[in-house]
């Protein structure tokens, strides 16, 4: 068994989920006195490992918690990637999807 590490874009620690596309949102913190100060709403990103049955490998991905729930609901990372359109995935996940399609339909 081997591990595949998936990095979000060019930077290792970017604040974007490669599956859902969730990223930092900007807004105001409004006090009781109606004072407004700028703040950032960060996505809840977690380092997660999924076991790919088709590849026989462990995929380590940094995903938002809602993406983890979506993957689990759809029956695992293999089923989720095969079901999802390639336009909605990051570059690295598109490569994994192509490998999965080649192995399942061959």
Protein backbone atom coordinates (compact mmCIF):
# COMPACT_ATOMS: atom_id res chain seq x y z
CA UNK A 1 0.00 0.00 0.00
CA UNK A 2 1.31 3.44 -0.85
CA UNK A 3 0.22 6.98 -0.04
CA UNK A 4 -0.73 9.74 -2.44
CA UNK A 5 -0.38 13.29 -1.16
CA UNK A 6 -2.61 15.85 -2.79
CA UNK A 7 -1.55 19.48 -2.48
CA UNK A 8 -4.02 22.34 -3.02
CA UNK A 9 -2.77 24.25 -6.06
CA UNK A 10 0.82 25.49 -5.98
CA UNK A 11 0.97 26.24 -2.27
CA UNK A 12 0.90 23.54 0.38
CA UNK A 13 -1.20 25.40 2.92
CA UNK A 14 -3.70 27.36 0.83
CA UNK A 15 -7.08 28.07 2.38
CA UNK A 16 -9.13 26.52 -0.45
CA UNK A 17 -10.90 23.16 -0.45
CA UNK A 18 -10.00 21.25 -3.65
CA UNK A 19 -13.40 19.49 -3.81
CA UNK A 20 -15.95 22.16 -2.90
CA UNK A 21 -13.94 25.29 -3.72
CA UNK A 22 -14.69 26.86 -0.33
CA UNK A 23 -12.29 29.70 0.41
CA UNK A 24 -11.81 32.68 2.72
CA UNK A 25 -14.74 35.10 2.89
CA UNK A 26 -14.42 38.68 4.10
CA UNK A 27 -16.91 40.67 6.17
CA UNK A 28 -17.40 42.82 9.22
CA UNK A 29 -17.54 42.05 12.92
CA UNK A 30 -20.39 44.23 14.18
CA UNK A 31 -20.41 45.10 17.89
CA UNK A 32 -23.41 45.91 20.03
CA UNK A 33 -22.64 49.61 19.50
CA UNK A 34 -22.73 48.95 15.71
CA UNK A 35 -18.96 49.46 15.32
CA UNK A 36 -17.70 47.61 12.26
CA UNK A 37 -14.24 46.08 12.01
CA UNK A 38 -12.98 43.93 9.14
CA UNK A 39 -12.64 40.18 9.69
CA UNK A 40 -12.08 36.99 7.72
CA UNK A 41 -14.28 33.89 7.71
CA UNK A 42 -11.95 30.90 7.32
CA UNK A 43 -13.11 27.55 5.92
CA UNK A 44 -12.85 24.62 8.32
CA UNK A 45 -10.08 22.65 6.58
CA UNK A 46 -8.88 19.34 7.99
CA UNK A 47 -6.17 16.89 6.95
CA UNK A 48 -8.01 13.67 6.04
CA UNK A 49 -6.89 10.25 4.79
CA UNK A 50 -9.16 8.23 2.51
CA UNK A 51 -8.53 4.66 1.41
CA UNK A 52 -8.99 4.16 -2.33
CA UNK A 53 -10.24 0.64 -3.05
CA UNK A 54 -9.54 0.87 -6.79
CA UNK A 55 -6.01 2.24 -6.48
CA UNK A 56 -5.16 0.29 -3.34
CA UNK A 57 -3.64 3.46 -1.92
CA UNK A 58 -4.26 5.94 0.84
CA UNK A 59 -5.10 9.49 -0.31
CA UNK A 60 -4.16 12.30 2.07
CA UNK A 61 -6.13 15.45 1.28
CA UNK A 62 -6.82 18.74 3.04
CA UNK A 63 -10.61 19.14 2.81
CA UNK A 64 -13.36 21.19 4.37
CA UNK A 65 -15.56 19.32 6.82
CA UNK A 66 -18.56 19.61 4.52
CA UNK A 67 -16.55 17.97 1.72
CA UNK A 68 -15.61 15.10 4.06
CA UNK A 69 -19.31 14.57 4.81
CA UNK A 70 -20.13 14.62 1.08
CA UNK A 71 -17.44 12.03 0.33
CA UNK A 72 -18.68 9.75 3.10
CA UNK A 73 -22.30 10.15 2.00
CA UNK A 74 -21.45 9.15 -1.59
CA UNK A 75 -19.70 5.95 -0.56
CA UNK A 76 -16.04 6.88 -0.39
CA UNK A 77 -13.47 8.84 -2.35
CA UNK A 78 -13.60 6.57 -5.41
CA UNK A 79 -17.36 6.88 -5.88
CA UNK A 80 -17.28 10.63 -5.20
CA UNK A 81 -14.55 11.34 -7.76
CA UNK A 82 -16.20 9.18 -10.44
CA UNK A 83 -19.55 10.90 -9.84
CA UNK A 84 -18.25 14.49 -9.75
CA UNK A 85 -17.64 16.54 -12.89
CA UNK A 86 -13.98 17.18 -13.68
CA UNK A 87 -14.69 20.92 -13.94
CA UNK A 88 -15.41 21.07 -10.20
CA UNK A 89 -12.12 19.42 -9.13
CA UNK A 90 -8.60 20.74 -8.64
CA UNK A 91 -5.83 19.80 -11.08
CA UNK A 92 -4.38 17.07 -8.86
CA UNK A 93 -7.80 15.51 -8.24
CA UNK A 94 -8.51 15.52 -11.99
CA UNK A 95 -5.41 13.35 -12.47
CA UNK A 96 -6.60 10.95 -9.76
CA UNK A 97 -10.04 10.85 -11.42
CA UNK A 98 -8.50 9.95 -14.80
CA UNK A 99 -6.50 7.13 -13.19
CA UNK A 100 -9.65 5.84 -11.45
CA UNK A 101 -11.65 5.92 -14.70
CA UNK A 102 -8.89 4.05 -16.54
CA UNK A 103 -8.75 1.32 -13.88
CA UNK A 104 -12.51 0.90 -13.43
CA UNK A 105 -13.54 0.94 -17.09
CA UNK A 106 -10.59 -1.07 -18.41
